Amino acid sequence: MTRRLEYRERGSGEPVVFVHGSASDSRTWHLQLDEFAKHFRAITYSRRYHWPHQPIDPGQDYAMDDHVSDLKALLHSLDTAPAHIVGHSYGALVALLLAIQAPHLVRTLVLAEPPAITLFVSNSPKPFEILKLLVTRPRTAIEIIRFGATAAGPAKAAARRGHIDEAIRVFAAATLGPGAFERLSDARLEQARANFSAEELLGSGFPPLEPASIRRVSAPTLLLTAQNSSPLFRPLIQRLEELLPVADRAEIPAAAHIMHEDNAPAFNAAVLSFLARRSSPDETIIGA
């Protein structure tokens, strides 16, 4: 059964599809939609269980494979393939899995701080996994340990108690970067509350990421980090850069993890510049 997803589109030309992260929905891209529509057919959508869709049922698995399947179906239904796919955080992992599973649907990839932890350890890593990683990639191991101790573990514990606001605070404070949660506007906090669920935290988590699969990704890729984000993302991006056959990298200054909101002009410029280099020869982007 095809799931109907809320979406918005502007402009014409090569399609650019934006995939949002956790505690978010299509509204997170409000500073991108009209700007990219000047040069492309820009499309934003809300993933299943995210506003304005029905929330996930209690106890149901929040499975990433469902979100990848939804994105495939959306691209087909809107006749957008192949598309430029811009993903943020959880949405960046969805975009990466799409490029692995269905490369014919993807023209280019923009991956803004995907939490690619399962490149290194399982969702609930055993001690031997951490010990092995401490020997081979100590910086990565330390950041994953810190993230588990300060974000994932306490947030899951709060979610199990039904304390969703506490789970949001703990998870966001560790993920966004120092002080970023405290700077969120009331409207952005409401968006987080409308889209954050215990089921996402307590579900099956991220599927394994195999280095060999990433090495086969044919789409040119832009990897983005944010200057003031959580330090967890830098070693993850570094590993993706090592594996991807065609990868550019850029950092968005004066921004935390939600870089496309914190510094939209710099984010938009970086992505548009990348697309200008990677688009069809007849697609001209002025000022990129």
Protein backbone atom coordinates (compact mmCIF):
# COMPACT_ATOMS: atom_id res chain seq x y z
CA MET A 1 0.00 0.00 0.00
CA THR A 2 1.40 3.40 -1.02
CA ARG A 3 1.64 5.88 1.85
CA ARG A 4 0.62 9.46 1.07
CA LEU A 5 3.25 11.95 2.20
CA GLU A 6 2.75 15.69 2.64
CA TYR A 7 5.08 17.61 0.32
CA ARG A 8 5.65 21.05 -1.15
CA GLU A 9 7.41 21.96 -4.37
CA ARG A 10 8.55 25.12 -6.07
CA GLY A 11 10.41 25.97 -9.28
CA SER A 12 11.38 23.89 -12.29
CA GLY A 13 14.39 22.08 -13.72
CA GLU A 14 16.42 19.29 -12.18
CA PRO A 15 14.69 18.06 -9.00
CA VAL A 16 16.24 18.61 -5.57
CA VAL A 17 14.55 16.64 -2.78
CA PHE A 18 15.16 17.55 0.87
CA VAL A 19 14.98 14.83 3.57
CA HIS A 20 14.62 16.07 7.15
CA GLY A 21 16.06 14.58 10.31
CA SER A 22 14.63 13.60 13.68
CA ALA A 23 12.45 15.89 15.83
CA SER A 24 11.66 17.73 12.62
CA ASP A 25 9.43 17.83 9.54
CA SER A 26 9.25 19.57 6.17
CA ARG A 27 9.06 22.98 7.87
CA THR A 28 12.73 22.73 8.79
CA TRP A 29 13.57 23.51 5.13
CA HIS A 30 11.64 26.81 4.97
CA LEU A 31 14.87 28.73 4.35
CA GLN A 32 15.81 26.44 1.45
CA LEU A 33 12.61 25.87 -0.54
CA ASP A 34 12.24 29.24 -2.27
CA GLU A 35 15.99 29.81 -2.60
CA PHE A 36 16.60 26.51 -4.40
CA ALA A 37 13.44 27.00 -6.48
CA LYS A 38 15.25 29.85 -8.27
CA HIS A 39 17.39 27.22 -9.99
CA PHE A 40 15.75 23.82 -9.48
CA ARG A 41 12.50 21.98 -8.92
CA ALA A 42 12.76 22.05 -5.12
CA ILE A 43 10.74 19.54 -3.11
CA THR A 44 10.39 19.18 0.65
CA TYR A 45 8.31 16.51 2.36
CA SER A 46 7.51 15.20 5.80
CA ARG A 47 8.51 11.62 6.52
CA ARG A 48 5.98 9.13 7.89
CA TYR A 49 5.00 9.70 11.53
CA HIS A 50 6.10 13.34 11.29
CA TRP A 51 3.83 16.40 11.25
CA PRO A 52 1.25 16.69 9.73
CA HIS A 53 0.98 12.89 9.49
CA GLN A 54 -0.36 10.61 12.20
CA PRO A 55 2.23 9.93 14.93
CA ILE A 56 3.63 6.44 15.23
CA ASP A 57 1.54 4.04 17.34
CA PRO A 58 2.95 3.17 20.77
CA GLY A 59 5.19 0.12 20.56
CA GLN A 60 5.47 0.19 16.76
CA ASP A 61 8.97 -0.06 15.31
CA TYR A 62 10.33 3.17 13.83
CA ALA A 63 12.29 1.43 11.07
CA MET A 64 14.64 3.27 8.75
CA ASP A 65 13.90 0.85 5.90
CA ASP A 66 10.33 2.19 5.85
CA HIS A 67 11.61 5.73 5.35
CA VAL A 68 13.91 4.62 2.53
CA SER A 69 10.98 2.84 0.85
CA ASP A 70 8.84 5.95 1.24
CA LEU A 71 11.49 8.09 -0.42
CA LYS A 72 11.74 5.66 -3.33
CA ALA A 73 7.96 5.77 -3.77
CA LEU A 74 7.89 9.56 -3.57
CA LEU A 75 10.55 9.93 -6.26
CA HIS A 76 8.62 7.61 -8.55
CA SER A 77 5.23 9.21 -7.89
CA LEU A 78 6.52 12.73 -8.56
CA ASP A 79 8.55 11.61 -11.59
CA THR A 80 11.73 13.09 -10.17
CA ALA A 81 14.30 10.35 -10.70
CA PRO A 82 17.16 10.79 -10.80
CA ALA A 83 17.15 13.60 -8.25
CA HIS A 84 19.63 15.56 -6.21
CA ILE A 85 19.00 14.34 -2.64
CA VAL A 86 19.80 16.64 0.29
CA GLY A 87 19.56 14.90 3.65
CA HIS A 88 20.10 16.14 7.19
CA SER A 89 21.00 13.92 10.15
CA TYR A 90 18.61 10.90 10.20
CA GLY A 91 17.45 12.04 6.77
CA ALA A 92 21.04 11.97 5.53
CA LEU A 93 21.25 8.29 6.48
CA VAL A 94 17.99 7.70 4.62
CA ALA A 95 19.53 9.42 1.59
CA LEU A 96 22.73 7.38 1.82
CA LEU A 97 20.78 4.10 2.01
CA LEU A 98 18.74 5.18 -1.01
CA ALA A 99 21.96 5.72 -2.99
CA ILE A 100 23.18 2.27 -1.94
CA GLN A 101 19.93 0.45 -2.70
CA ALA A 102 18.67 2.37 -5.74
CA PRO A 103 21.53 4.29 -7.38
CA HIS A 104 19.44 4.97 -10.48
CA LEU A 105 17.23 7.27 -8.40
CA VAL A 106 20.07 9.52 -7.23
CA ARG A 107 21.89 12.16 -9.29
CA THR A 108 23.92 13.62 -6.40
CA LEU A 109 23.96 13.38 -2.61
CA VAL A 110 24.32 16.04 0.05
CA LEU A 111 24.81 14.47 3.48
CA ALA A 112 24.66 16.91 6.41
CA GLU A 113 26.07 15.16 9.48
CA PRO A 114 24.55 11.67 9.12
CA PRO A 115 24.86 9.68 12.38
CA ALA A 116 26.70 6.84 10.62
CA ILE A 117 27.59 5.10 13.88
CA THR A 118 26.83 1.62 12.53
CA LEU A 119 29.85 1.93 10.26
CA PHE A 120 31.81 1.18 13.44
CA VAL A 121 29.60 -0.59 16.01
CA SER A 122 26.15 -2.11 16.29
CA ASN A 123 23.15 -0.21 17.68
CA SER A 124 23.79 -1.64 21.13
CA PRO A 125 27.54 -2.17 20.99
CA LYS A 126 29.10 -4.96 22.98
CA PRO A 127 32.25 -4.28 25.03
CA PHE A 128 34.46 -6.12 22.53
CA GLU A 129 33.22 -3.80 19.75
CA ILE A 130 34.18 -0.73 21.74
CA LEU A 131 37.56 -2.21 22.72
CA LYS A 132 38.35 -3.03 19.10
CA LEU A 133 37.40 0.48 18.03
CA LEU A 134 39.50 2.02 20.82
CA VAL A 135 42.51 0.24 19.34
CA THR A 136 41.81 1.02 15.68
CA ARG A 137 40.08 4.43 15.84
CA PRO A 138 40.38 5.82 19.37
CA ARG A 139 38.92 9.26 18.62
CA THR A 140 35.84 7.72 17.04
CA ALA A 141 35.45 5.30 19.95
CA ILE A 142 35.66 8.08 22.53
CA GLU A 143 33.00 10.16 20.77
CA ILE A 144 30.66 7.17 20.42
CA ILE A 145 31.13 6.29 24.11
CA ARG A 146 30.47 9.89 25.10
CA PHE A 147 27.37 10.06 22.91
CA GLY A 148 25.99 6.86 24.42
CA ALA A 149 26.66 8.06 27.95
CA THR A 150 25.35 11.62 27.59
CA ALA A 151 22.67 11.35 24.89
CA ALA A 152 21.39 7.96 23.75
CA GLY A 153 21.41 6.21 27.12
CA PRO A 154 19.80 8.95 29.26
CA ALA A 155 17.30 9.88 26.51
CA LYS A 156 16.16 6.26 26.16
CA ALA A 157 15.81 5.98 29.92
CA ALA A 158 13.66 9.13 29.99
CA ALA A 159 11.55 7.86 27.08
CA ARG A 160 10.90 4.56 28.85
CA ARG A 161 9.59 6.54 31.84
CA GLY A 162 7.34 8.53 29.51
CA HIS A 163 9.25 11.77 30.12
CA ILE A 164 9.37 12.94 26.50
CA ASP A 165 10.35 16.57 27.21
CA GLU A 166 13.31 15.33 29.24
CA ALA A 167 14.28 12.93 26.45
CA ILE A 168 14.17 15.77 23.92
CA ARG A 169 16.28 18.02 26.14
CA VAL A 170 18.93 15.40 26.84
CA PHE A 171 19.17 14.11 23.28
CA ALA A 172 19.11 17.53 21.63
CA ALA A 173 21.60 19.08 24.04
CA ALA A 174 24.15 16.36 23.21
CA THR A 175 23.43 16.24 19.47
CA LEU A 176 23.03 19.85 18.41
CA GLY A 177 26.23 21.20 19.96
CA PRO A 178 27.12 23.34 23.00
CA GLY A 179 24.35 25.76 23.96
CA ALA A 180 22.31 25.13 20.81
CA PHE A 181 19.30 23.61 22.56
CA GLU A 182 18.98 26.62 24.86
CA ARG A 183 18.92 28.92 21.83
CA LEU A 184 16.02 27.16 20.10
CA SER A 185 12.98 29.36 19.56
CA ASP A 186 9.61 28.45 21.04
CA ALA A 187 8.38 27.60 17.52
CA ARG A 188 11.34 25.27 16.92
CA LEU A 189 10.79 23.56 20.27
CA GLU A 190 7.17 22.98 19.34
CA GLN A 191 8.29 21.44 16.06
CA ALA A 192 10.59 19.12 18.01
CA ARG A 193 7.79 18.11 20.37
CA ALA A 194 5.45 17.44 17.45
CA ASN A 195 7.93 15.01 15.89
CA PHE A 196 9.92 13.37 18.68
CA SER A 197 8.80 9.91 19.76
CA ALA A 198 9.91 7.27 22.22
CA GLU A 199 9.45 4.71 19.44
CA GLU A 200 12.23 6.31 17.38
CA LEU A 201 14.63 6.14 20.31
CA LEU A 202 13.60 2.65 21.42
CA GLY A 203 13.06 1.05 18.00
CA SER A 204 15.37 -1.10 15.90
CA GLY A 205 17.74 1.79 15.28
CA PHE A 206 20.06 2.18 12.32
CA PRO A 207 20.75 -0.68 9.91
CA PRO A 208 24.37 -1.82 9.56
CA LEU A 209 26.50 0.19 7.15
CA GLU A 210 29.03 -1.86 5.23
CA PRO A 211 32.17 -0.13 3.92
CA ALA A 212 31.97 -2.12 0.68
CA SER A 213 28.45 -0.82 0.01
CA ILE A 214 29.51 2.78 0.53
CA ARG A 215 32.48 2.32 -1.78
CA ARG A 216 30.01 1.40 -4.52
CA VAL A 217 27.98 4.62 -4.23
CA SER A 218 28.28 6.21 -7.66
CA ALA A 219 26.60 9.56 -6.94
CA PRO A 220 28.92 12.53 -6.37
CA THR A 221 28.53 13.46 -2.72
CA LEU A 222 28.93 16.59 -0.63
CA LEU A 223 29.64 15.91 3.05
CA LEU A 224 28.76 18.75 5.41
CA THR A 225 29.74 19.42 9.00
CA ALA A 226 28.81 22.39 11.19
CA GLN A 227 31.39 24.44 13.07
CA ASN A 228 29.60 24.29 16.42
CA SER A 229 27.97 20.87 16.22
CA SER A 230 28.59 17.83 18.39
CA PRO A 231 32.14 16.49 17.93
CA LEU A 232 30.62 13.04 17.28
CA PHE A 233 29.99 13.88 13.63
CA ARG A 234 33.53 14.74 12.54
CA PRO A 235 35.04 11.23 12.70
CA LEU A 236 31.88 9.82 11.10
CA ILE A 237 32.16 12.26 8.19
CA GLN A 238 35.88 11.55 7.93
CA ARG A 239 35.21 7.84 7.49
CA LEU A 240 32.54 8.48 4.85
CA GLU A 241 34.98 10.72 3.01
CA GLU A 242 37.52 7.90 3.00
CA LEU A 243 35.01 5.43 1.57
CA LEU A 244 32.94 7.37 -0.96
CA PRO A 245 34.42 7.31 -4.48
CA VAL A 246 33.51 10.94 -5.32
CA ALA A 247 33.21 13.15 -2.25
CA ASP A 248 33.57 16.86 -1.55
CA ARG A 249 33.55 18.24 1.97
CA ALA A 250 32.62 21.59 3.47
CA GLU A 251 32.01 23.10 6.89
CA ILE A 252 29.18 25.52 7.66
CA PRO A 253 30.47 28.29 9.95
CA ALA A 254 28.57 29.75 12.90
CA ALA A 255 26.14 26.83 12.96
CA ALA A 256 25.21 23.90 15.17
CA HIS A 257 23.85 20.56 13.97
CA ILE A 258 20.73 22.10 12.40
CA MET A 259 23.07 24.01 10.13
CA HIS A 260 20.48 24.70 7.42
CA GLU A 261 18.48 26.66 9.99
CA ASP A 262 21.33 28.24 11.96
CA ASN A 263 23.21 29.60 8.95
CA ALA A 264 20.98 29.17 5.92
CA PRO A 265 22.95 31.56 3.64
CA ALA A 266 26.18 29.58 4.11
CA PHE A 267 24.41 26.23 3.85
CA ASN A 268 22.55 27.24 0.70
CA ALA A 269 25.69 28.65 -0.89
CA ALA A 270 27.69 25.48 -0.19
CA VAL A 271 25.02 23.18 -1.61
CA LEU A 272 24.27 25.37 -4.64
CA SER A 273 27.98 25.60 -5.43
CA PHE A 274 28.25 21.82 -5.28
CA LEU A 275 25.19 21.37 -7.49
CA ALA A 276 26.55 23.91 -9.97
CA ARG A 277 29.61 21.70 -10.42
CA ARG A 278 27.63 18.48 -10.57
CA SER A 279 24.45 19.43 -12.48
CA SER A 280 23.79 18.87 -16.16
CA PRO A 281 25.81 21.17 -18.44
CA ASP A 282 22.69 23.11 -19.46
CA GLU A 283 21.72 23.83 -15.83
CA THR A 284 23.21 27.23 -14.99
CA ILE A 285 23.20 28.54 -11.43
CA ILE A 286 23.89 32.23 -11.22
CA GLY A 287 26.05 33.33 -8.31
CA ALA A 288 26.77 29.84 -6.99
